Amino acid sequence: MKNKLLSAALGAAVFALGTSAASATTLGDVKAKGFVQCGVNTGLLGFAQPDASGNWAGFDVDFCKAVASAVLGDPTKVKYTPLSAKDRFPALQSGEIDILSRNTTWSINRDTALGFNFRPVTYYDGQGFMVRKSLNVKSALELSGAAICVQSGTTTELNLADYFKANNLQYNPVVFEKLEEVNAAYDSGRCDVYTTDQSGLYSLRLTLKNPDEHMVLPEIISKEPLGPAVRQGDDQWFDIVSWTAYALVNAEEFGITQANVDEMKNSPNPDIKRFLGSEADTKIGTDLGLTNDWAYNIIKNVGNYGEVFERNIGQGSPLKIARGLNALWSKGGIQYAPPVR
């Protein structure tokens, strides 16, 4: 009982600290220091990974660049904090980072008890399984008794337990804190199966010694809406981060690209002119606490949602993930953004 009370007290203290950090206006802090501090994965191909020179790239990294473009007009004004699954939430709660853009699932516990705000889903995902082809397994329902590699401190770990319990299957969890440890354990044969978000499996498969010897099973066992998170208590910053994501989606719907954004500023369409800040009486940017060319800066520096998706994880990338649910609502998917007006 004493341990439970101590744990609750520590949690309340961390939450209070995070709330205090947020209430100091993150936008003001970011402008004062001149950069956005962005929490990202320690290294996940296609989502967040540094090169040999320390330059970060990926789907989640581009979102950090988009926020910096909206706020500071410059996609390079970002400092990246690589975080493990366990470390990511304390880093956000404490104010060590301004935004968490790290393939993180929006859940009720994280949205409430942990003191975070989620809103835009930048990637609709689901948990899956990867196995060696030599096992001759075609379905997750054939995995009873398997040793399964999983990262601790994730919804993945909880979903795994629920799935096997619901299907009356046995398994042996092989649990590690760091992503690199999970990868190494699976690649060395310490476990039969690797489970995480399916997008992550496609990414991780390419890093294995012999990628062609492994396959991702067809089952999706969970809903994993992934997106950025910020601390509660700062509605303005929450709006800026949210509308950065919505701007990327709206730009794709408008047909505005990184290549044609300058030309589109002269569009006769009033919605597009308002969106790009070229309408004389627009106040959309100033209402956010930004300049009226905030959305123009995002698209000019980063591109639209489709461009970000395709070059990092879609057909223009080694992962070649299909858009699927992440296609626009008008093209068979569920990516949908509120109107900018």
Protein backbone atom coordinates (compact mmCIF):
# COMPACT_ATOMS: atom_id res chain seq x y z
CA MET A 1 0.00 0.00 0.00
CA LYS A 2 2.87 2.35 0.88
CA ASN A 3 4.38 1.83 -2.59
CA LYS A 4 1.04 2.57 -4.25
CA LEU A 5 0.66 5.82 -2.29
CA LEU A 6 4.21 6.86 -3.11
CA SER A 7 3.64 6.12 -6.80
CA ALA A 8 0.43 8.17 -6.83
CA ALA A 9 2.16 11.08 -5.11
CA LEU A 10 5.03 11.05 -7.59
CA GLY A 11 2.60 10.92 -10.48
CA ALA A 12 0.67 13.90 -9.13
CA ALA A 13 3.92 15.83 -8.69
CA VAL A 14 5.04 15.16 -12.26
CA PHE A 15 1.60 16.09 -13.58
CA ALA A 16 1.66 19.36 -11.61
CA LEU A 17 5.12 20.17 -12.92
CA GLY A 18 4.00 19.52 -16.49
CA THR A 19 0.91 21.70 -16.03
CA SER A 20 3.05 24.52 -14.67
CA ALA A 21 5.48 24.24 -17.57
CA ALA A 22 2.64 24.41 -20.08
CA SER A 23 0.93 27.38 -18.41
CA ALA A 24 4.02 29.52 -19.05
CA THR A 25 2.93 29.77 -22.74
CA THR A 26 4.96 27.46 -24.90
CA LEU A 27 4.71 29.78 -27.89
CA GLY A 28 6.44 32.55 -25.96
CA ASP A 29 9.15 30.17 -24.80
CA VAL A 30 9.73 28.86 -28.32
CA LYS A 31 9.99 32.35 -29.79
CA ALA A 32 12.36 33.44 -27.01
CA LYS A 33 14.78 30.54 -27.45
CA GLY A 34 14.39 30.49 -31.25
CA PHE A 35 13.66 26.80 -31.78
CA VAL A 36 11.15 24.00 -31.14
CA GLN A 37 12.34 21.18 -28.88
CA CYS A 38 10.83 18.07 -30.39
CA GLY A 39 10.78 14.59 -28.85
CA VAL A 40 11.24 11.84 -31.46
CA ASN A 41 12.03 8.15 -31.72
CA THR A 42 15.59 7.03 -31.05
CA GLY A 43 15.69 5.64 -34.58
CA LEU A 44 12.86 4.25 -36.70
CA LEU A 45 13.40 4.18 -40.46
CA GLY A 46 10.88 6.36 -42.27
CA PHE A 47 9.62 8.05 -39.10
CA ALA A 48 12.61 9.47 -37.24
CA GLN A 49 16.24 8.59 -37.85
CA PRO A 50 19.52 10.55 -37.83
CA ASP A 51 22.11 10.13 -40.54
CA ALA A 52 25.88 9.86 -39.96
CA SER A 53 26.08 13.65 -39.65
CA GLY A 54 23.29 13.83 -37.07
CA ASN A 55 20.69 15.21 -39.48
CA TRP A 56 17.22 13.90 -38.66
CA ALA A 57 14.68 12.78 -41.27
CA GLY A 58 11.33 11.02 -41.33
CA PHE A 59 7.57 11.38 -41.18
CA ASP A 60 7.50 12.47 -37.52
CA VAL A 61 10.55 14.67 -38.02
CA ASP A 62 8.84 16.50 -40.89
CA PHE A 63 5.96 17.31 -38.55
CA CYS A 64 8.43 18.96 -36.17
CA LYS A 65 9.78 20.94 -39.14
CA ALA A 66 6.23 21.94 -40.05
CA VAL A 67 5.59 23.33 -36.55
CA ALA A 68 8.87 25.26 -36.69
CA SER A 69 7.87 26.62 -40.09
CA ALA A 70 4.49 27.77 -38.76
CA VAL A 71 5.94 29.42 -35.65
CA LEU A 72 9.39 30.62 -36.73
CA GLY A 73 9.19 30.47 -40.52
CA ASP A 74 12.20 28.14 -40.66
CA PRO A 75 12.15 24.30 -40.74
CA THR A 76 15.71 24.12 -39.42
CA LYS A 77 14.77 25.76 -36.12
CA VAL A 78 14.22 22.41 -34.40
CA LYS A 79 16.26 20.55 -31.81
CA TYR A 80 15.55 16.85 -31.54
CA THR A 81 15.44 14.82 -28.33
CA PRO A 82 15.57 11.06 -29.06
CA LEU A 83 13.38 9.26 -26.52
CA SER A 84 12.63 5.65 -25.63
CA ALA A 85 9.02 4.59 -25.11
CA LYS A 86 9.57 4.76 -21.35
CA ASP A 87 11.23 8.18 -21.35
CA ARG A 88 8.92 10.00 -23.76
CA PHE A 89 6.12 10.85 -21.31
CA PRO A 90 8.25 12.20 -18.43
CA ALA A 91 10.11 14.34 -20.99
CA LEU A 92 6.85 15.95 -22.13
CA GLN A 93 5.38 16.26 -18.63
CA SER A 94 8.49 17.96 -17.25
CA GLY A 95 8.78 20.52 -20.06
CA GLU A 96 12.01 19.04 -21.42
CA ILE A 97 10.36 19.02 -24.86
CA ASP A 98 7.72 21.30 -26.41
CA ILE A 99 6.03 18.60 -28.45
CA LEU A 100 6.15 14.82 -28.68
CA SER A 101 6.17 13.61 -32.28
CA ARG A 102 7.11 9.99 -31.75
CA ASN A 103 4.67 7.42 -33.23
CA THR A 104 2.59 7.67 -30.03
CA THR A 105 -0.90 6.23 -29.68
CA TRP A 106 -3.72 8.50 -28.50
CA SER A 107 -5.46 6.70 -25.62
CA ILE A 108 -7.79 7.76 -22.82
CA ASN A 109 -5.18 7.25 -20.09
CA ARG A 110 -2.64 9.40 -21.89
CA ASP A 111 -5.25 12.02 -22.72
CA THR A 112 -6.41 12.30 -19.09
CA ALA A 113 -4.30 10.79 -16.30
CA LEU A 114 -0.96 11.68 -17.91
CA GLY A 115 -2.04 15.25 -18.60
CA PHE A 116 -1.54 15.37 -22.36
CA ASN A 117 -3.58 16.74 -25.25
CA PHE A 118 -3.94 14.85 -28.53
CA ARG A 119 -6.12 15.92 -31.44
CA PRO A 120 -4.89 15.40 -35.00
CA VAL A 121 -4.15 11.81 -36.01
CA THR A 122 -1.24 12.02 -38.42
CA TYR A 123 -1.07 8.26 -39.03
CA TYR A 124 -3.83 5.67 -38.57
CA ASP A 125 -2.09 2.43 -37.64
CA GLY A 126 -2.71 -0.92 -35.95
CA GLN A 127 -0.61 -3.49 -34.14
CA GLY A 128 0.68 -6.48 -36.06
CA PHE A 129 3.16 -9.36 -35.94
CA MET A 130 6.34 -10.19 -37.86
CA VAL A 131 7.73 -13.72 -38.07
CA ARG A 132 10.42 -15.66 -39.87
CA LYS A 133 9.10 -17.27 -43.03
CA SER A 134 10.77 -20.52 -41.96
CA LEU A 135 8.17 -20.92 -39.20
CA ASN A 136 5.51 -21.49 -41.88
CA VAL A 137 3.02 -19.41 -39.92
CA LYS A 138 0.25 -17.69 -41.87
CA SER A 139 -1.85 -16.26 -39.05
CA ALA A 140 -1.38 -14.80 -35.57
CA LEU A 141 -3.79 -17.46 -34.33
CA GLU A 142 -1.02 -20.02 -34.97
CA LEU A 143 1.36 -18.35 -32.51
CA SER A 144 0.39 -20.17 -29.31
CA GLY A 145 3.49 -20.92 -27.23
CA ALA A 146 5.69 -18.49 -29.21
CA ALA A 147 8.35 -16.28 -27.67
CA ILE A 148 7.38 -12.72 -28.61
CA CYS A 149 9.66 -9.67 -28.54
CA VAL A 150 7.91 -6.53 -27.33
CA GLN A 151 8.94 -3.10 -26.03
CA SER A 152 7.99 -2.20 -22.46
CA GLY A 153 6.00 0.90 -21.57
CA THR A 154 3.86 0.74 -24.71
CA THR A 155 0.24 0.03 -25.63
CA THR A 156 1.78 -2.77 -27.72
CA GLU A 157 2.63 -4.69 -24.57
CA LEU A 158 -0.93 -4.33 -23.24
CA ASN A 159 -2.59 -5.22 -26.57
CA LEU A 160 -0.43 -8.34 -26.84
CA ALA A 161 -1.65 -9.63 -23.48
CA ASP A 162 -5.28 -8.85 -24.33
CA TYR A 163 -5.14 -10.55 -27.74
CA PHE A 164 -3.64 -13.78 -26.46
CA LYS A 165 -5.99 -13.90 -23.48
CA ALA A 166 -9.05 -13.26 -25.67
CA ASN A 167 -8.02 -16.07 -28.05
CA ASN A 168 -7.02 -18.49 -25.26
CA LEU A 169 -3.43 -18.66 -26.51
CA GLN A 170 -0.20 -18.94 -24.53
CA TYR A 171 2.95 -16.92 -25.21
CA ASN A 172 6.30 -16.07 -23.66
CA PRO A 173 6.96 -12.32 -23.60
CA VAL A 174 10.56 -11.22 -24.20
CA VAL A 175 10.49 -7.62 -22.97
CA PHE A 176 13.04 -4.84 -23.43
CA GLU A 177 12.94 -1.13 -22.66
CA LYS A 178 14.92 0.15 -25.65
CA LEU A 179 13.86 -0.30 -29.25
CA GLU A 180 17.40 -1.21 -30.28
CA GLU A 181 17.38 -4.06 -27.74
CA VAL A 182 14.11 -5.46 -29.08
CA ASN A 183 15.43 -5.31 -32.65
CA ALA A 184 18.67 -7.06 -31.74
CA ALA A 185 16.87 -9.78 -29.77
CA TYR A 186 14.54 -10.62 -32.64
CA ASP A 187 17.29 -10.51 -35.26
CA SER A 188 19.49 -12.83 -33.20
CA GLY A 189 16.71 -15.39 -32.78
CA ARG A 190 15.97 -14.87 -29.09
CA CYS A 191 12.26 -14.73 -29.94
CA ASP A 192 10.04 -16.16 -32.67
CA VAL A 193 7.84 -13.12 -33.20
CA TYR A 194 8.15 -9.33 -33.15
CA THR A 195 5.07 -7.24 -32.37
CA THR A 196 4.58 -3.48 -32.67
CA ASP A 197 2.61 -1.07 -34.88
CA GLN A 198 2.42 -2.52 -38.38
CA SER A 199 4.09 0.54 -39.88
CA GLY A 200 6.98 -0.02 -37.49
CA LEU A 201 7.26 -3.66 -38.57
CA TYR A 202 7.64 -2.65 -42.22
CA SER A 203 10.35 -0.23 -41.16
CA LEU A 204 12.17 -2.60 -38.82
CA ARG A 205 12.12 -5.49 -41.31
CA LEU A 206 14.40 -3.50 -43.62
CA THR A 207 17.01 -3.16 -40.87
CA LEU A 208 17.33 -6.94 -40.25
CA LYS A 209 20.31 -8.96 -41.48
CA ASN A 210 18.16 -10.79 -44.05
CA PRO A 211 14.89 -8.84 -44.56
CA ASP A 212 13.54 -11.25 -47.18
CA GLU A 213 13.47 -14.06 -44.61
CA HIS A 214 10.78 -12.28 -42.61
CA MET A 215 7.12 -11.45 -43.21
CA VAL A 216 4.41 -9.34 -41.60
CA LEU A 217 1.28 -11.35 -40.80
CA PRO A 218 -2.08 -10.02 -42.05
CA GLU A 219 -3.81 -9.53 -38.68
CA ILE A 220 -4.32 -6.06 -37.23
CA ILE A 221 -5.22 -6.53 -33.56
CA SER A 222 -5.73 -2.95 -32.40
CA LYS A 223 -6.48 0.65 -33.29
CA GLU A 224 -3.37 2.80 -33.04
CA PRO A 225 -4.14 6.44 -33.87
CA LEU A 226 -0.69 8.03 -33.91
CA GLY A 227 -0.04 11.73 -33.64
CA PRO A 228 1.66 14.56 -31.79
CA ALA A 229 1.05 15.27 -28.13
CA VAL A 230 1.47 18.40 -26.01
CA ARG A 231 0.93 19.17 -22.35
CA GLN A 232 -2.46 20.23 -21.07
CA GLY A 233 -2.83 23.80 -19.87
CA ASP A 234 -1.75 25.74 -22.96
CA ASP A 235 -4.63 25.95 -25.42
CA GLN A 236 -2.80 28.28 -27.78
CA TRP A 237 0.10 25.86 -28.28
CA PHE A 238 -2.36 22.98 -28.61
CA ASP A 239 -4.17 24.91 -31.37
CA ILE A 240 -0.91 25.69 -33.20
CA VAL A 241 0.23 22.07 -33.19
CA SER A 242 -3.23 20.84 -34.20
CA TRP A 243 -3.67 23.33 -37.02
CA THR A 244 -0.20 22.56 -38.34
CA ALA A 245 -1.41 19.01 -38.97
CA TYR A 246 -4.70 20.25 -40.41
CA ALA A 247 -2.83 22.65 -42.71
CA LEU A 248 -0.85 19.75 -44.20
CA VAL A 249 -4.07 17.84 -44.95
CA ASN A 250 -5.98 20.87 -46.25
CA ALA A 251 -3.09 21.75 -48.56
CA GLU A 252 -3.24 18.31 -50.15
CA GLU A 253 -6.99 18.66 -50.59
CA PHE A 254 -6.55 22.09 -52.20
CA GLY A 255 -3.89 20.68 -54.54
CA ILE A 256 -1.23 22.97 -53.06
CA THR A 257 2.26 21.49 -53.21
CA GLN A 258 5.75 22.57 -52.28
CA ALA A 259 6.39 23.25 -55.97
CA ASN A 260 3.27 25.30 -56.76
CA VAL A 261 2.59 27.11 -53.46
CA ASP A 262 3.91 30.46 -54.75
CA GLU A 263 1.70 30.25 -57.82
CA MET A 264 -1.30 29.21 -55.69
CA LYS A 265 -1.05 32.42 -53.65
CA ASN A 266 -2.61 34.11 -56.67
CA SER A 267 -5.48 31.61 -56.94
CA PRO A 268 -8.94 33.12 -57.52
CA ASN A 269 -10.29 30.65 -54.94
CA PRO A 270 -10.97 32.67 -51.76
CA ASP A 271 -10.47 29.61 -49.55
CA ILE A 272 -6.96 29.08 -50.92
CA LYS A 273 -6.08 32.79 -50.68
CA ARG A 274 -7.28 32.84 -47.07
CA PHE A 275 -5.37 29.65 -46.31
CA LEU A 276 -2.09 30.99 -47.72
CA GLY A 277 -2.47 34.43 -46.12
CA SER A 278 -2.78 36.35 -49.38
CA GLU A 279 -6.29 37.65 -48.67
CA ALA A 280 -5.98 41.21 -47.40
CA ASP A 281 -8.35 41.00 -44.42
CA THR A 282 -7.49 37.50 -43.17
CA LYS A 283 -6.80 37.17 -39.43
CA ILE A 284 -6.43 33.41 -39.25
CA GLY A 285 -2.72 33.53 -38.55
CA THR A 286 -2.90 36.31 -36.00
CA ASP A 287 -5.75 34.49 -34.23
CA LEU A 288 -3.27 31.64 -33.67
CA GLY A 289 -0.59 34.03 -32.47
CA LEU A 290 1.32 33.58 -35.74
CA THR A 291 1.88 35.53 -38.93
CA ASN A 292 -0.76 35.20 -41.65
CA ASP A 293 1.65 33.30 -43.91
CA TRP A 294 2.00 30.47 -41.35
CA ALA A 295 0.37 27.87 -43.64
CA TYR A 296 2.32 29.12 -46.67
CA ASN A 297 5.55 28.63 -44.70
CA ILE A 298 4.58 25.06 -43.79
CA ILE A 299 3.88 24.04 -47.37
CA LYS A 300 6.84 25.96 -48.83
CA ASN A 301 9.26 24.31 -46.42
CA VAL A 302 7.78 20.83 -45.93
CA GLY A 303 5.08 20.19 -48.56
CA ASN A 304 1.54 18.89 -48.04
CA TYR A 305 0.50 15.79 -46.12
CA GLY A 306 0.66 13.55 -49.19
CA GLU A 307 4.16 14.73 -50.04
CA VAL A 308 5.36 14.14 -46.47
CA PHE A 309 3.80 10.66 -46.48
CA GLU A 310 5.08 9.54 -49.88
CA ARG A 311 8.71 10.60 -49.51
CA ASN A 312 9.15 9.19 -46.00
CA ILE A 313 7.04 6.03 -45.83
CA GLY A 314 5.05 5.79 -49.07
CA GLN A 315 5.90 4.80 -52.61
CA GLY A 316 8.84 7.18 -52.80
CA SER A 317 10.50 5.52 -49.82
CA PRO A 318 12.06 2.10 -49.12
CA LEU A 319 9.02 1.20 -46.95
CA LYS A 320 6.46 1.66 -49.77
CA ILE A 321 3.49 1.68 -47.39
CA ALA A 322 0.13 2.18 -49.13
CA ARG A 323 -1.90 5.21 -48.05
CA GLY A 324 -4.86 3.03 -46.99
CA LEU A 325 -6.76 4.72 -44.16
CA ASN A 326 -4.33 7.61 -44.42
CA ALA A 327 -5.63 8.67 -47.82
CA LEU A 328 -7.79 11.79 -47.90
CA TRP A 329 -11.45 11.31 -47.00
CA SER A 330 -12.28 12.21 -50.62
CA LYS A 331 -10.07 9.37 -51.89
CA GLY A 332 -11.24 6.45 -49.79
CA GLY A 333 -9.32 7.18 -46.58
CA ILE A 334 -10.21 8.95 -43.34
CA GLN A 335 -7.72 11.81 -43.26
CA TYR A 336 -9.98 14.82 -42.78
CA ALA A 337 -9.25 18.35 -41.61
CA PRO A 338 -11.60 21.13 -40.47
CA PRO A 339 -11.93 24.10 -42.84
CA VAL A 340 -9.57 27.05 -42.55
CA ARG A 341 -11.95 30.00 -42.30
